[in-house]
């Protein structure tokens, strides 16, 4: 079976029900992935997590939402990988500016393959 190379991008946004900027950011990223890059995006909300604070060194228990998409790019091709990573750096700067009170916004990129029957 043939395999199509893709780059999976995941963005983790803290759940803050009292602050609409978090929901707006989550929705904006999902729309951005859907219309401009990947042709689709998935979200998983209210994921339970524990994180070590880089500022305090203490464990933080909080819920996050995840937006992910598989970009039509090949990780093994330097030019394609560099373009995706450059886009993600801009996305991270945007998210950190909007959600300025967060210690960090986690964005992950990794190679994946879609198995097809063609």
N, C-alpha and C. Protein backbone atom coordinates (compact mmCIF):
# COMPACT_ATOMS: atom_id res chain seq x y z
N UNK A 1 0.84 -1.19 0.00
CA UNK A 1 0.00 0.00 0.00
C UNK A 1 0.88 1.25 0.00
N UNK A 2 0.55 2.21 -0.82
CA UNK A 2 1.32 3.46 -0.84
C UNK A 2 1.11 4.27 0.44
N UNK A 3 2.10 5.07 0.76
CA UNK A 3 2.03 5.95 1.93
C UNK A 3 2.32 7.37 1.49
N UNK A 4 1.50 8.30 1.93
CA UNK A 4 1.69 9.71 1.64
C UNK A 4 2.36 10.38 2.85
N UNK A 5 3.48 11.03 2.60
CA UNK A 5 4.18 11.73 3.68
C UNK A 5 3.44 13.00 4.04
N UNK A 6 3.31 13.26 5.33
CA UNK A 6 2.67 14.46 5.86
C UNK A 6 3.46 14.94 7.07
N UNK A 7 3.18 16.15 7.49
CA UNK A 7 3.72 16.65 8.76
C UNK A 7 2.54 16.93 9.67
N UNK A 8 2.48 16.22 10.79
CA UNK A 8 1.42 16.45 11.77
C UNK A 8 1.82 17.61 12.67
N UNK A 9 0.89 18.53 12.83
CA UNK A 9 1.08 19.68 13.71
C UNK A 9 0.03 19.61 14.80
N UNK A 10 0.48 19.77 16.03
CA UNK A 10 -0.41 19.77 17.20
C UNK A 10 -0.17 21.06 17.98
N UNK A 11 -1.26 21.70 18.39
CA UNK A 11 -1.18 22.91 19.20
C UNK A 11 -2.01 22.68 20.46
N UNK A 12 -1.39 22.86 21.61
CA UNK A 12 -2.05 22.66 22.89
C UNK A 12 -2.36 24.02 23.51
N UNK A 13 -3.66 24.27 23.77
CA UNK A 13 -4.11 25.53 24.34
C UNK A 13 -4.77 25.23 25.69
N UNK A 14 -4.35 25.91 26.76
CA UNK A 14 -5.00 25.68 28.06
C UNK A 14 -6.50 26.00 28.00
N UNK A 15 -7.29 25.24 28.76
CA UNK A 15 -8.73 25.54 28.90
C UNK A 15 -8.88 26.63 29.94
N UNK A 16 -9.47 27.72 29.54
CA UNK A 16 -9.78 28.82 30.46
C UNK A 16 -11.21 29.28 30.15
N UNK A 17 -12.21 28.57 30.68
CA UNK A 17 -13.61 28.87 30.34
C UNK A 17 -14.02 30.32 30.63
N UNK A 18 -13.39 30.96 31.58
CA UNK A 18 -13.76 32.33 31.93
C UNK A 18 -13.14 33.39 31.03
N UNK A 19 -12.28 33.00 30.11
CA UNK A 19 -11.60 33.96 29.25
C UNK A 19 -11.86 33.59 27.79
N UNK A 20 -12.70 34.37 27.09
CA UNK A 20 -13.06 34.02 25.71
C UNK A 20 -11.89 34.06 24.72
N UNK A 21 -10.79 34.70 25.07
CA UNK A 21 -9.66 34.75 24.14
C UNK A 21 -9.08 33.35 23.89
N UNK A 22 -9.21 32.44 24.85
CA UNK A 22 -8.71 31.07 24.66
C UNK A 22 -9.56 30.34 23.62
N UNK A 23 -10.87 30.44 23.74
CA UNK A 23 -11.77 29.79 22.79
C UNK A 23 -11.59 30.38 21.40
N UNK A 24 -11.46 31.71 21.34
CA UNK A 24 -11.27 32.38 20.06
C UNK A 24 -9.96 31.92 19.41
N UNK A 25 -8.90 31.80 20.20
CA UNK A 25 -7.61 31.35 19.68
C UNK A 25 -7.69 29.91 19.18
N UNK A 26 -8.33 29.05 19.94
CA UNK A 26 -8.50 27.65 19.55
C UNK A 26 -9.26 27.55 18.22
N UNK A 27 -10.36 28.28 18.12
CA UNK A 27 -11.16 28.26 16.89
C UNK A 27 -10.40 28.85 15.72
N UNK A 28 -9.66 29.92 15.95
CA UNK A 28 -8.89 30.55 14.88
C UNK A 28 -7.84 29.58 14.33
N UNK A 29 -7.13 28.88 15.22
CA UNK A 29 -6.11 27.93 14.78
C UNK A 29 -6.75 26.80 13.97
N UNK A 30 -7.87 26.26 14.44
CA UNK A 30 -8.56 25.19 13.70
C UNK A 30 -8.99 25.68 12.32
N UNK A 31 -9.51 26.89 12.25
CA UNK A 31 -9.90 27.45 10.95
C UNK A 31 -8.69 27.67 10.05
N UNK A 32 -7.63 28.18 10.64
CA UNK A 32 -6.40 28.44 9.89
C UNK A 32 -5.87 27.14 9.28
N UNK A 33 -5.82 26.08 10.06
CA UNK A 33 -5.37 24.80 9.56
C UNK A 33 -6.30 24.27 8.46
N UNK A 34 -7.59 24.43 8.67
CA UNK A 34 -8.57 23.91 7.72
C UNK A 34 -8.50 24.61 6.38
N UNK A 35 -8.50 25.93 6.40
CA UNK A 35 -8.63 26.69 5.15
C UNK A 35 -7.30 27.01 4.48
N UNK A 36 -6.26 27.22 5.24
CA UNK A 36 -5.03 27.70 4.64
C UNK A 36 -3.96 26.65 4.43
N UNK A 37 -3.98 25.56 5.15
CA UNK A 37 -2.82 24.68 5.10
C UNK A 37 -3.18 23.22 4.86
N UNK A 38 -3.99 22.67 5.73
CA UNK A 38 -4.13 21.21 5.73
C UNK A 38 -5.40 20.70 5.08
N UNK A 39 -6.40 21.54 4.90
CA UNK A 39 -7.65 21.06 4.36
C UNK A 39 -8.55 20.44 5.41
N UNK A 40 -8.12 20.45 6.65
CA UNK A 40 -8.92 19.92 7.74
C UNK A 40 -8.15 20.00 9.04
N UNK A 41 -8.89 19.99 10.12
CA UNK A 41 -8.28 20.03 11.45
C UNK A 41 -9.21 19.30 12.41
N UNK A 42 -8.63 18.73 13.44
CA UNK A 42 -9.40 18.06 14.48
C UNK A 42 -9.09 18.72 15.82
N UNK A 43 -10.07 18.68 16.70
CA UNK A 43 -9.85 19.20 18.05
C UNK A 43 -10.26 18.15 19.06
N UNK A 44 -9.54 18.12 20.15
CA UNK A 44 -9.86 17.30 21.30
C UNK A 44 -9.83 18.25 22.48
N UNK A 45 -10.95 18.35 23.18
CA UNK A 45 -11.03 19.33 24.25
C UNK A 45 -11.06 18.67 25.62
N UNK A 46 -10.69 19.47 26.61
CA UNK A 46 -10.73 19.08 28.03
C UNK A 46 -9.84 17.87 28.35
N UNK A 47 -8.63 17.91 27.83
CA UNK A 47 -7.66 16.85 28.11
C UNK A 47 -7.03 17.14 29.46
N UNK A 48 -7.03 16.18 30.33
CA UNK A 48 -6.44 16.34 31.66
C UNK A 48 -4.92 16.24 31.54
N UNK A 49 -4.23 17.17 32.15
CA UNK A 49 -2.78 17.15 32.05
C UNK A 49 -2.08 17.68 33.30
N UNK A 50 -0.82 17.35 33.41
CA UNK A 50 0.05 17.84 34.48
C UNK A 50 1.33 18.31 33.82
N UNK A 51 1.77 19.49 34.24
CA UNK A 51 2.92 20.12 33.60
C UNK A 51 3.83 20.70 34.66
N UNK A 52 5.09 20.69 34.37
CA UNK A 52 6.07 21.28 35.27
C UNK A 52 6.29 22.73 34.84
N UNK A 53 6.02 23.66 35.73
CA UNK A 53 6.17 25.07 35.43
C UNK A 53 7.64 25.43 35.27
N UNK A 54 8.02 26.02 34.12
CA UNK A 54 9.41 26.43 33.96
C UNK A 54 9.80 27.58 34.89
N UNK A 55 8.80 28.37 35.29
CA UNK A 55 9.08 29.51 36.19
C UNK A 55 9.26 29.09 37.64
N UNK A 56 8.34 28.23 38.11
CA UNK A 56 8.34 27.90 39.54
C UNK A 56 8.91 26.54 39.86
N UNK A 57 9.00 25.65 38.85
CA UNK A 57 9.45 24.29 39.10
C UNK A 57 8.39 23.43 39.77
N UNK A 58 7.18 23.94 39.88
CA UNK A 58 6.09 23.20 40.52
C UNK A 58 5.20 22.53 39.48
N UNK A 59 4.57 21.46 39.88
CA UNK A 59 3.64 20.74 39.02
C UNK A 59 2.31 21.50 38.96
N UNK A 60 1.79 21.66 37.73
CA UNK A 60 0.52 22.33 37.51
C UNK A 60 -0.45 21.32 36.92
N UNK A 61 -1.63 21.23 37.51
CA UNK A 61 -2.68 20.36 36.99
C UNK A 61 -3.68 21.25 36.28
N UNK A 62 -3.87 21.01 34.98
CA UNK A 62 -4.84 21.81 34.24
C UNK A 62 -5.33 21.02 33.03
N UNK A 63 -6.43 21.48 32.49
CA UNK A 63 -6.98 20.89 31.27
C UNK A 63 -6.53 21.73 30.08
N UNK A 64 -6.34 21.03 28.95
CA UNK A 64 -5.95 21.70 27.72
C UNK A 64 -6.85 21.20 26.59
N UNK A 65 -6.85 21.96 25.52
CA UNK A 65 -7.49 21.53 24.28
C UNK A 65 -6.40 21.39 23.23
N UNK A 66 -6.61 20.47 22.33
CA UNK A 66 -5.64 20.16 21.29
C UNK A 66 -6.27 20.39 19.93
N UNK A 67 -5.55 21.10 19.07
CA UNK A 67 -5.92 21.22 17.65
C UNK A 67 -4.81 20.54 16.87
N UNK A 68 -5.17 19.65 15.95
CA UNK A 68 -4.12 19.03 15.15
C UNK A 68 -4.56 18.87 13.71
N UNK A 69 -3.56 18.84 12.84
CA UNK A 69 -3.79 18.68 11.41
C UNK A 69 -2.56 18.05 10.79
N UNK A 70 -2.77 17.39 9.67
CA UNK A 70 -1.66 16.82 8.92
C UNK A 70 -1.44 17.68 7.68
N UNK A 71 -0.32 18.40 7.68
CA UNK A 71 -0.01 19.30 6.57
C UNK A 71 0.51 18.50 5.39
N UNK A 72 0.16 18.92 4.17
CA UNK A 72 0.66 18.23 2.97
C UNK A 72 2.11 18.61 2.69
N UNK A 73 2.99 18.06 3.48
CA UNK A 73 4.43 18.34 3.36
C UNK A 73 5.18 17.10 3.81
N UNK A 74 6.41 17.00 3.38
CA UNK A 74 7.25 15.83 3.67
C UNK A 74 8.40 16.26 4.59
N UNK A 75 8.42 15.69 5.78
CA UNK A 75 9.44 16.02 6.78
C UNK A 75 10.86 15.78 6.26
N UNK A 76 11.03 14.77 5.40
CA UNK A 76 12.37 14.43 4.91
C UNK A 76 12.88 15.44 3.89
N UNK A 77 12.02 16.31 3.39
CA UNK A 77 12.44 17.34 2.43
C UNK A 77 12.67 18.64 3.19
N UNK A 78 13.93 19.03 3.26
CA UNK A 78 14.34 20.18 4.07
C UNK A 78 13.50 21.43 3.79
N UNK A 79 13.29 21.75 2.54
CA UNK A 79 12.55 22.96 2.17
C UNK A 79 11.12 22.92 2.72
N UNK A 80 10.44 21.80 2.57
CA UNK A 80 9.07 21.67 3.05
C UNK A 80 9.02 21.73 4.58
N UNK A 81 9.95 21.03 5.23
CA UNK A 81 10.01 21.04 6.69
C UNK A 81 10.27 22.46 7.21
N UNK A 82 11.22 23.16 6.58
CA UNK A 82 11.58 24.51 7.00
C UNK A 82 10.39 25.46 6.84
N UNK A 83 9.63 25.33 5.75
CA UNK A 83 8.45 26.17 5.55
C UNK A 83 7.42 25.95 6.65
N UNK A 84 7.15 24.70 6.97
CA UNK A 84 6.17 24.39 8.02
C UNK A 84 6.66 24.93 9.36
N UNK A 85 7.92 24.68 9.69
CA UNK A 85 8.44 25.15 10.98
C UNK A 85 8.45 26.67 11.06
N UNK A 86 8.70 27.34 9.97
CA UNK A 86 8.64 28.81 9.94
C UNK A 86 7.21 29.29 10.21
N UNK A 87 6.24 28.66 9.55
CA UNK A 87 4.83 29.00 9.80
C UNK A 87 4.46 28.77 11.26
N UNK A 88 4.97 27.69 11.84
CA UNK A 88 4.65 27.38 13.24
C UNK A 88 5.28 28.37 14.20
N UNK A 89 6.45 28.88 13.86
CA UNK A 89 7.07 29.91 14.70
C UNK A 89 6.20 31.16 14.73
N UNK A 90 5.67 31.54 13.58
CA UNK A 90 4.76 32.70 13.52
C UNK A 90 3.49 32.42 14.31
N UNK A 91 2.96 31.21 14.18
CA UNK A 91 1.76 30.84 14.93
C UNK A 91 2.03 30.91 16.43
N UNK A 92 3.18 30.42 16.86
CA UNK A 92 3.53 30.45 18.29
C UNK A 92 3.63 31.89 18.79
N UNK A 93 4.25 32.76 18.02
CA UNK A 93 4.35 34.17 18.41
C UNK A 93 2.97 34.81 18.53
N UNK A 94 2.09 34.50 17.59
CA UNK A 94 0.72 35.02 17.66
C UNK A 94 0.01 34.52 18.92
N UNK A 95 0.06 33.21 19.15
CA UNK A 95 -0.64 32.63 20.31
C UNK A 95 -0.08 33.18 21.62
N UNK A 96 1.23 33.34 21.70
CA UNK A 96 1.83 33.88 22.92
C UNK A 96 1.46 35.34 23.13
N UNK A 97 1.27 36.09 22.06
CA UNK A 97 0.86 37.49 22.19
C UNK A 97 -0.58 37.59 22.67
N UNK A 98 -1.45 36.74 22.12
CA UNK A 98 -2.86 36.77 22.51
C UNK A 98 -3.05 36.21 23.91
N UNK A 99 -2.36 35.11 24.20
CA UNK A 99 -2.48 34.44 25.50
C UNK A 99 -1.24 34.76 26.35
N UNK A 100 -0.97 36.03 26.50
CA UNK A 100 0.28 36.52 27.07
C UNK A 100 0.53 36.05 28.50
N UNK A 101 -0.50 35.68 29.24
CA UNK A 101 -0.30 35.27 30.63
C UNK A 101 0.19 33.83 30.77
N UNK A 102 0.20 33.08 29.66
CA UNK A 102 0.66 31.69 29.71
C UNK A 102 2.19 31.63 29.71
N UNK A 103 2.71 30.67 30.46
CA UNK A 103 4.17 30.47 30.48
C UNK A 103 4.67 30.01 29.14
N UNK A 104 3.90 29.13 28.49
CA UNK A 104 4.31 28.62 27.18
C UNK A 104 3.09 28.08 26.45
N UNK A 105 3.17 28.09 25.15
CA UNK A 105 2.18 27.44 24.28
C UNK A 105 2.94 26.33 23.56
N UNK A 106 2.48 25.11 23.73
CA UNK A 106 3.17 23.97 23.14
C UNK A 106 2.67 23.72 21.73
N UNK A 107 3.61 23.69 20.78
CA UNK A 107 3.32 23.33 19.40
C UNK A 107 4.28 22.21 19.01
N UNK A 108 3.74 21.14 18.46
CA UNK A 108 4.52 19.96 18.12
C UNK A 108 4.38 19.70 16.61
N UNK A 109 5.49 19.33 15.98
CA UNK A 109 5.47 18.92 14.57
C UNK A 109 6.24 17.61 14.45
N UNK A 110 5.68 16.68 13.67
CA UNK A 110 6.35 15.40 13.50
C UNK A 110 5.93 14.77 12.17
N UNK A 111 6.78 13.89 11.64
CA UNK A 111 6.42 13.22 10.39
C UNK A 111 5.38 12.14 10.63
N UNK A 112 4.42 12.05 9.72
CA UNK A 112 3.43 10.96 9.74
C UNK A 112 3.21 10.51 8.31
N UNK A 113 2.57 9.38 8.15
CA UNK A 113 2.27 8.85 6.83
C UNK A 113 0.82 8.41 6.78
N UNK A 114 0.14 8.80 5.71
CA UNK A 114 -1.23 8.35 5.47
C UNK A 114 -1.15 7.15 4.53
N UNK A 115 -1.68 6.05 4.96
CA UNK A 115 -1.69 4.83 4.16
C UNK A 115 -2.92 4.89 3.25
N UNK A 116 -2.70 4.71 1.97
CA UNK A 116 -3.80 4.79 1.01
C UNK A 116 -3.94 3.44 0.30
N UNK A 117 -5.06 3.28 -0.37
CA UNK A 117 -5.27 2.04 -1.13
C UNK A 117 -5.13 2.29 -2.62
N UNK A 118 -4.51 3.42 -2.98
CA UNK A 118 -4.29 3.72 -4.40
C UNK A 118 -2.86 3.49 -4.77
